[in-house]
Amino acid sequence: MTSQETRHSNSFFAELIEIDLPKWASPERNEIFLQFASTFPGIVQSFQFNSAEWATWASNAECEKTFPPAFKSKASAFQKVLVIQVFRPDRLESELTQFVCFSLGVKSLTGLTFSFKALLKEESSSTTPILFVINA
């Protein structure tokens, strides 16, 4: 299917915008790209998604950590999430984790590690029992 045929098959979005899916992107991402481009034309126009930098970015195993410098310096954390959703949904969970950490100002979403040894030494004594509540 050519890009012209794909554009016509998504006629609703094609009427709103005349932008082609970048050559490096999977054809499966065409419809969501057209939705993205029609909703956020400023992002699509500001960043040259057809550039070699973006092709390299898309092929990176951890692309959410290696955005092209021009995009990385100008895009908001949420815009980065949107771009990952459009082009690399397989990396969305990792990008959302980064987004939440950035938004909350924390280094990690991982909770504190639990040590039975520390609990026994620091929180209990021969007169203070330990009660465990286990939820299955």
C-alpha atoms as a PDB file:
ATOM      1  CA  MET A   1       0.000   0.000   0.000  1.00  0.00           C
ATOM      2  CA  THR A   2       1.493   3.343  -1.023  1.00  0.00           C
ATOM      3  CA  SER A   3       1.474   6.365   1.259  1.00  0.00           C
ATOM      4  CA  GLN A   4      -1.136   7.952  -1.035  1.00  0.00           C
ATOM      5  CA  GLU A   5      -3.419   4.899  -0.668  1.00  0.00           C
ATOM      6  CA  THR A   6      -2.835   4.841   3.079  1.00  0.00           C
ATOM      7  CA  ARG A   7      -3.689   8.534   3.286  1.00  0.00           C
ATOM      8  CA  HIS A   8      -6.979   7.935   1.469  1.00  0.00           C
ATOM      9  CA  SER A   9      -7.820   4.918   3.626  1.00  0.00           C
ATOM     10  CA  ASN A  10      -7.641   7.239   6.636  1.00  0.00           C
ATOM     11  CA  SER A  11      -9.726   9.920   4.955  1.00  0.00           C
ATOM     12  CA  PHE A  12     -10.900  11.549   8.199  1.00  0.00           C
ATOM     13  CA  PHE A  13      -7.351  12.295   9.281  1.00  0.00           C
ATOM     14  CA  ALA A  14      -6.128  12.916   5.741  1.00  0.00           C
ATOM     15  CA  GLU A  15      -8.556  15.808   5.403  1.00  0.00           C
ATOM     16  CA  LEU A  16      -7.152  17.386   8.528  1.00  0.00           C
ATOM     17  CA  ILE A  17      -3.487  17.133   7.669  1.00  0.00           C
ATOM     18  CA  GLU A  18      -1.217  16.453   4.706  1.00  0.00           C
ATOM     19  CA  ILE A  19       1.769  14.874   6.442  1.00  0.00           C
ATOM     20  CA  ASP A  20       3.252  11.490   5.599  1.00  0.00           C
ATOM     21  CA  LEU A  21       4.419   8.906   8.073  1.00  0.00           C
ATOM     22  CA  PRO A  22       8.216   9.071   8.372  1.00  0.00           C
ATOM     23  CA  LYS A  23       9.941   6.523   6.119  1.00  0.00           C
ATOM     24  CA  TRP A  24      11.598   4.751   9.061  1.00  0.00           C
ATOM     25  CA  ALA A  25       8.327   4.265  10.962  1.00  0.00           C
ATOM     26  CA  SER A  26       6.323   1.069  10.814  1.00  0.00           C
ATOM     27  CA  PRO A  27       3.345   1.319   8.425  1.00  0.00           C
ATOM     28  CA  GLU A  28       1.200   0.001  11.299  1.00  0.00           C
ATOM     29  CA  ARG A  29       1.746   3.364  13.038  1.00  0.00           C
ATOM     30  CA  ASN A  30       0.257   5.417  10.184  1.00  0.00           C
ATOM     31  CA  GLU A  31      -3.217   5.939  11.636  1.00  0.00           C
ATOM     32  CA  ILE A  32      -1.996   6.935  15.085  1.00  0.00           C
ATOM     33  CA  PHE A  33       0.640   9.208  13.482  1.00  0.00           C
ATOM     34  CA  LEU A  34      -2.062  10.973  11.479  1.00  0.00           C
ATOM     35  CA  GLN A  35      -4.140  11.402  14.655  1.00  0.00           C
ATOM     36  CA  PHE A  36      -1.086  12.749  16.467  1.00  0.00           C
ATOM     37  CA  ALA A  37      -0.183  15.090  13.603  1.00  0.00           C
ATOM     38  CA  SER A  38      -3.721  16.461  13.348  1.00  0.00           C
ATOM     39  CA  THR A  39      -3.986  16.954  17.123  1.00  0.00           C
ATOM     40  CA  PHE A  40      -0.482  18.337  17.665  1.00  0.00           C
ATOM     41  CA  PRO A  41       0.588  19.889  14.344  1.00  0.00           C
ATOM     42  CA  GLY A  42       3.063  22.164  16.105  1.00  0.00           C
ATOM     43  CA  ILE A  43       5.088  19.208  17.393  1.00  0.00           C
ATOM     44  CA  VAL A  44       5.153  17.555  13.970  1.00  0.00           C
ATOM     45  CA  GLN A  45       6.136  20.799  12.234  1.00  0.00           C
ATOM     46  CA  SER A  46       8.777  21.736  14.834  1.00  0.00           C
ATOM     47  CA  PHE A  47      10.690  18.472  14.718  1.00  0.00           C
ATOM     48  CA  GLN A  48      11.856  16.881  11.492  1.00  0.00           C
ATOM     49  CA  PHE A  49      10.689  13.313  12.069  1.00  0.00           C
ATOM     50  CA  ASN A  50      12.035  12.270   8.645  1.00  0.00           C
ATOM     51  CA  SER A  51      15.640  13.040   9.589  1.00  0.00           C
ATOM     52  CA  ALA A  52      18.377  10.435   9.974  1.00  0.00           C
ATOM     53  CA  GLU A  53      18.544  11.272  13.705  1.00  0.00           C
ATOM     54  CA  TRP A  54      14.984  10.046  14.151  1.00  0.00           C
ATOM     55  CA  ALA A  55      15.654   6.878  12.150  1.00  0.00           C
ATOM     56  CA  THR A  56      18.598   6.132  14.461  1.00  0.00           C
ATOM     57  CA  TRP A  57      16.447   6.941  17.492  1.00  0.00           C
ATOM     58  CA  ALA A  58      13.668   4.596  16.368  1.00  0.00           C
ATOM     59  CA  SER A  59      16.049   1.673  15.950  1.00  0.00           C
ATOM     60  CA  ASN A  60      17.571   2.105  19.420  1.00  0.00           C
ATOM     61  CA  ALA A  61      16.572  -0.621  21.899  1.00  0.00           C
ATOM     62  CA  GLU A  62      16.033   2.012  24.617  1.00  0.00           C
ATOM     63  CA  CYS A  63      14.879   4.903  22.457  1.00  0.00           C
ATOM     64  CA  GLU A  64      13.176   6.641  25.391  1.00  0.00           C
ATOM     65  CA  LYS A  65      16.671   7.400  26.743  1.00  0.00           C
ATOM     66  CA  THR A  66      18.169   8.635  23.466  1.00  0.00           C
ATOM     67  CA  PHE A  67      15.902  11.271  21.934  1.00  0.00           C
ATOM     68  CA  PRO A  68      17.567  13.492  19.304  1.00  0.00           C
ATOM     69  CA  PRO A  69      19.218  16.457  21.073  1.00  0.00           C
ATOM     70  CA  ALA A  70      17.020  19.153  19.499  1.00  0.00           C
ATOM     71  CA  PHE A  71      13.859  17.343  20.577  1.00  0.00           C
ATOM     72  CA  LYS A  72      15.182  16.392  24.018  1.00  0.00           C
ATOM     73  CA  SER A  73      16.058  19.991  24.874  1.00  0.00           C
ATOM     74  CA  LYS A  74      12.774  21.513  23.686  1.00  0.00           C
ATOM     75  CA  ALA A  75      10.089  18.873  24.304  1.00  0.00           C
ATOM     76  CA  SER A  76       8.192  18.541  27.544  1.00  0.00           C
ATOM     77  CA  ALA A  77       8.136  15.255  29.437  1.00  0.00           C
ATOM     78  CA  PHE A  78       4.570  14.688  28.251  1.00  0.00           C
ATOM     79  CA  GLN A  79       5.469  15.359  24.613  1.00  0.00           C
ATOM     80  CA  LYS A  80       8.130  12.657  24.914  1.00  0.00           C
ATOM     81  CA  VAL A  81       5.473  10.231  26.158  1.00  0.00           C
ATOM     82  CA  LEU A  82       3.300  11.088  23.160  1.00  0.00           C
ATOM     83  CA  VAL A  83       6.120  10.511  20.673  1.00  0.00           C
ATOM     84  CA  ILE A  84       6.919   7.142  22.243  1.00  0.00           C
ATOM     85  CA  GLN A  85       3.232   6.185  22.053  1.00  0.00           C
ATOM     86  CA  VAL A  86       3.097   7.130  18.380  1.00  0.00           C
ATOM     87  CA  PHE A  87       6.298   5.513  17.143  1.00  0.00           C
ATOM     88  CA  ARG A  88       7.497   2.974  19.738  1.00  0.00           C
ATOM     89  CA  PRO A  89       4.597   1.776  21.907  1.00  0.00           C
ATOM     90  CA  ASP A  90       6.744  -1.180  22.980  1.00  0.00           C
ATOM     91  CA  ARG A  91       8.799   1.320  25.052  1.00  0.00           C
ATOM     92  CA  LEU A  92       5.807   3.152  26.540  1.00  0.00           C
ATOM     93  CA  GLU A  93       5.980   1.519  29.977  1.00  0.00           C
ATOM     94  CA  SER A  94       9.588   2.593  30.449  1.00  0.00           C
ATOM     95  CA  GLU A  95       8.847   6.127  29.230  1.00  0.00           C
ATOM     96  CA  LEU A  96       5.835   6.415  31.533  1.00  0.00           C
ATOM     97  CA  THR A  97       8.005   5.343  34.461  1.00  0.00           C
ATOM     98  CA  GLN A  98      10.470   8.115  33.589  1.00  0.00           C
ATOM     99  CA  PHE A  99       7.605  10.588  33.211  1.00  0.00           C
ATOM    100  CA  VAL A 100       6.139   9.732  36.626  1.00  0.00           C
ATOM    101  CA  CYS A 101       9.567   9.896  38.324  1.00  0.00           C
ATOM    102  CA  PHE A 102      10.231  13.288  36.711  1.00  0.00           C
ATOM    103  CA  SER A 103       6.762  14.595  37.616  1.00  0.00           C
ATOM    104  CA  LEU A 104       6.986  13.417  41.227  1.00  0.00           C
ATOM    105  CA  GLY A 105      10.624  14.413  41.614  1.00  0.00           C
ATOM    106  CA  VAL A 106      11.745  10.931  42.662  1.00  0.00           C
ATOM    107  CA  LYS A 107      14.615   8.790  41.406  1.00  0.00           C
ATOM    108  CA  SER A 108      12.696   5.530  41.260  1.00  0.00           C
ATOM    109  CA  LEU A 109       9.231   4.085  41.693  1.00  0.00           C
ATOM    110  CA  THR A 110      10.663   1.048  43.438  1.00  0.00           C
ATOM    111  CA  GLY A 111       9.694   0.912  47.073  1.00  0.00           C
ATOM    112  CA  LEU A 112      12.079   0.432  49.929  1.00  0.00           C
ATOM    113  CA  THR A 113      13.576  -2.998  50.294  1.00  0.00           C
ATOM    114  CA  PHE A 114      12.304  -5.042  53.187  1.00  0.00           C
ATOM    115  CA  SER A 115      14.771  -6.767  55.469  1.00  0.00           C
ATOM    116  CA  PHE A 116      13.572  -9.255  58.065  1.00  0.00           C
ATOM    117  CA  LYS A 117      16.980  -9.079  59.722  1.00  0.00           C
ATOM    118  CA  ALA A 118      16.777  -5.284  60.144  1.00  0.00           C
ATOM    119  CA  LEU A 119      13.170  -5.561  61.346  1.00  0.00           C
ATOM    120  CA  LEU A 120      14.151  -8.119  63.968  1.00  0.00           C
ATOM    121  CA  LYS A 121      17.130  -6.090  65.232  1.00  0.00           C
ATOM    122  CA  GLU A 122      15.658  -2.574  65.029  1.00  0.00           C
ATOM    123  CA  GLU A 123      11.917  -2.892  65.514  1.00  0.00           C
ATOM    124  CA  SER A 124      11.397  -5.759  67.927  1.00  0.00           C
ATOM    125  CA  SER A 125      12.547  -7.154  71.243  1.00  0.00           C
ATOM    126  CA  SER A 126      11.770 -10.122  73.456  1.00  0.00           C
ATOM    127  CA  THR A 127       8.819  -8.117  74.829  1.00  0.00           C
ATOM    128  CA  THR A 128       7.661  -6.543  71.532  1.00  0.00           C
ATOM    129  CA  PRO A 129       6.199  -9.024  69.085  1.00  0.00           C
ATOM    130  CA  ILE A 130       6.129  -8.656  65.312  1.00  0.00           C
ATOM    131  CA  LEU A 131       2.781  -9.070  63.616  1.00  0.00           C
ATOM    132  CA  PHE A 132       2.759  -9.977  59.922  1.00  0.00           C
ATOM    133  CA  VAL A 133      -0.362  -9.420  57.893  1.00  0.00           C
ATOM    134  CA  ILE A 134      -0.216 -11.271  54.602  1.00  0.00           C
ATOM    135  CA  ASN A 135      -2.721 -10.493  51.910  1.00  0.00           C
ATOM    136  CA  ALA A 136      -3.102 -13.025  49.137  1.00  0.00           C
END
